Amino acid sequence: MGTLGLVAVHPDRRGRGLLAALTRACAERAGGRALVTSTQVGNLAALRGFARTGLLPVGARHVLHALVGDL
């Protein structure tokens, strides 16, 4: 299984196909195995971008983040 980690695109660079190119490269490297990524459920731009590349939501999980200093 391939994993595509955190993707952040500066607002000035959006709409240039960066997500599609990165997703294609990761899928090729995964060699036909599943490609997994994640985004926030409310990040509609990311969800649309992933859908355009063929990645579709298959589930949801809750992930909690905390800064070490906050513990």
C-alpha atoms as a PDB file:
ATOM      1  CA  MET A   1       0.000   0.000   0.000  1.00  0.00           C
ATOM      2  CA  GLY A   2       1.248   3.474  -0.832  1.00  0.00           C
ATOM      3  CA  THR A   3       0.697   6.427   1.448  1.00  0.00           C
ATOM      4  CA  LEU A   4       0.429  10.052   0.435  1.00  0.00           C
ATOM      5  CA  GLY A   5       1.088  12.165   3.520  1.00  0.00           C
ATOM      6  CA  LEU A   6       0.135  15.715   4.316  1.00  0.00           C
ATOM      7  CA  VAL A   7      -0.300  17.841   1.209  1.00  0.00           C
ATOM      8  CA  ALA A   8      -0.344  21.610   1.517  1.00  0.00           C
ATOM      9  CA  VAL A   9      -0.438  23.908  -1.493  1.00  0.00           C
ATOM     10  CA  HIS A  10       0.058  27.635  -1.099  1.00  0.00           C
ATOM     11  CA  PRO A  11      -3.068  29.529  -2.197  1.00  0.00           C
ATOM     12  CA  ASP A  12      -1.086  31.305  -4.931  1.00  0.00           C
ATOM     13  CA  ARG A  13      -0.105  27.936  -6.438  1.00  0.00           C
ATOM     14  CA  ARG A  14      -3.506  26.223  -6.375  1.00  0.00           C
ATOM     15  CA  GLY A  15      -5.225  25.259  -9.613  1.00  0.00           C
ATOM     16  CA  ARG A  16      -1.977  24.352 -11.400  1.00  0.00           C
ATOM     17  CA  GLY A  17      -2.293  20.569 -11.217  1.00  0.00           C
ATOM     18  CA  LEU A  18       0.215  20.039  -8.394  1.00  0.00           C
ATOM     19  CA  LEU A  19      -2.048  17.659  -6.457  1.00  0.00           C
ATOM     20  CA  ALA A  20      -2.814  15.658  -9.600  1.00  0.00           C
ATOM     21  CA  ALA A  21       0.879  15.354 -10.490  1.00  0.00           C
ATOM     22  CA  LEU A  22       1.826  14.343  -6.954  1.00  0.00           C
ATOM     23  CA  THR A  23      -1.008  11.812  -6.752  1.00  0.00           C
ATOM     24  CA  ARG A  24      -0.062  10.276 -10.119  1.00  0.00           C
ATOM     25  CA  ALA A  25       3.588   9.975  -9.059  1.00  0.00           C
ATOM     26  CA  CYS A  26       2.624   8.320  -5.761  1.00  0.00           C
ATOM     27  CA  ALA A  27       0.225   5.929  -7.502  1.00  0.00           C
ATOM     28  CA  GLU A  28       2.934   4.919  -9.976  1.00  0.00           C
ATOM     29  CA  ARG A  29       5.372   4.358  -7.131  1.00  0.00           C
ATOM     30  CA  ALA A  30       2.756   2.255  -5.305  1.00  0.00           C
ATOM     31  CA  GLY A  31       2.828  -0.062  -8.327  1.00  0.00           C
ATOM     32  CA  GLY A  32      -0.869  -0.890  -8.509  1.00  0.00           C
ATOM     33  CA  ARG A  33      -1.312  -1.284  -4.768  1.00  0.00           C
ATOM     34  CA  ALA A  34      -3.779   0.850  -2.856  1.00  0.00           C
ATOM     35  CA  LEU A  35      -2.892   4.501  -2.328  1.00  0.00           C
ATOM     36  CA  VAL A  36      -4.058   5.969   0.966  1.00  0.00           C
ATOM     37  CA  THR A  37      -4.196   9.599   1.973  1.00  0.00           C
ATOM     38  CA  SER A  38      -6.179  11.666   4.424  1.00  0.00           C
ATOM     39  CA  THR A  39      -7.614  15.117   4.781  1.00  0.00           C
ATOM     40  CA  GLN A  40      -9.979  16.932   7.072  1.00  0.00           C
ATOM     41  CA  VAL A  41     -13.614  16.075   6.411  1.00  0.00           C
ATOM     42  CA  GLY A  42     -14.397  19.765   5.922  1.00  0.00           C
ATOM     43  CA  ASN A  43     -11.604  20.355   3.400  1.00  0.00           C
ATOM     44  CA  LEU A  44     -13.835  20.322   0.363  1.00  0.00           C
ATOM     45  CA  ALA A  45     -11.121  21.612  -1.965  1.00  0.00           C
ATOM     46  CA  ALA A  46      -8.881  18.669  -1.065  1.00  0.00           C
ATOM     47  CA  LEU A  47     -11.741  16.187  -1.375  1.00  0.00           C
ATOM     48  CA  ARG A  48     -12.606  17.546  -4.834  1.00  0.00           C
ATOM     49  CA  GLY A  49      -8.954  17.492  -5.869  1.00  0.00           C
ATOM     50  CA  PHE A  50      -8.464  13.900  -4.758  1.00  0.00           C
ATOM     51  CA  ALA A  51     -11.718  12.882  -6.471  1.00  0.00           C
ATOM     52  CA  ARG A  52     -10.485  14.398  -9.747  1.00  0.00           C
ATOM     53  CA  THR A  53      -7.433  12.117  -9.529  1.00  0.00           C
ATOM     54  CA  GLY A  54      -9.573   9.047  -8.853  1.00  0.00           C
ATOM     55  CA  LEU A  55      -9.138   8.840  -5.080  1.00  0.00           C
ATOM     56  CA  LEU A  56     -12.477   8.502  -3.332  1.00  0.00           C
ATOM     57  CA  PRO A  57     -13.390   8.501   0.374  1.00  0.00           C
ATOM     58  CA  VAL A  58     -13.827   5.006   1.785  1.00  0.00           C
ATOM     59  CA  GLY A  59     -14.144   5.789   5.459  1.00  0.00           C
ATOM     60  CA  ALA A  60     -13.467   8.218   8.224  1.00  0.00           C
ATOM     61  CA  ARG A  61     -11.509   8.161  11.432  1.00  0.00           C
ATOM     62  CA  HIS A  62     -10.993  10.654  14.191  1.00  0.00           C
ATOM     63  CA  VAL A  63      -7.454  11.868  14.766  1.00  0.00           C
ATOM     64  CA  LEU A  64      -6.646  14.066  17.716  1.00  0.00           C
ATOM     65  CA  HIS A  65      -3.642  16.349  17.739  1.00  0.00           C
ATOM     66  CA  ALA A  66      -1.962  17.950  20.719  1.00  0.00           C
ATOM     67  CA  LEU A  67       1.169  19.996  21.086  1.00  0.00           C
ATOM     68  CA  VAL A  68       3.582  18.323  23.491  1.00  0.00           C
ATOM     69  CA  GLY A  69       3.682  21.472  25.603  1.00  0.00           C
ATOM     70  CA  ASP A  70      -0.093  21.264  26.036  1.00  0.00           C
ATOM     71  CA  LEU A  71       0.014  17.858  27.733  1.00  0.00           C
END
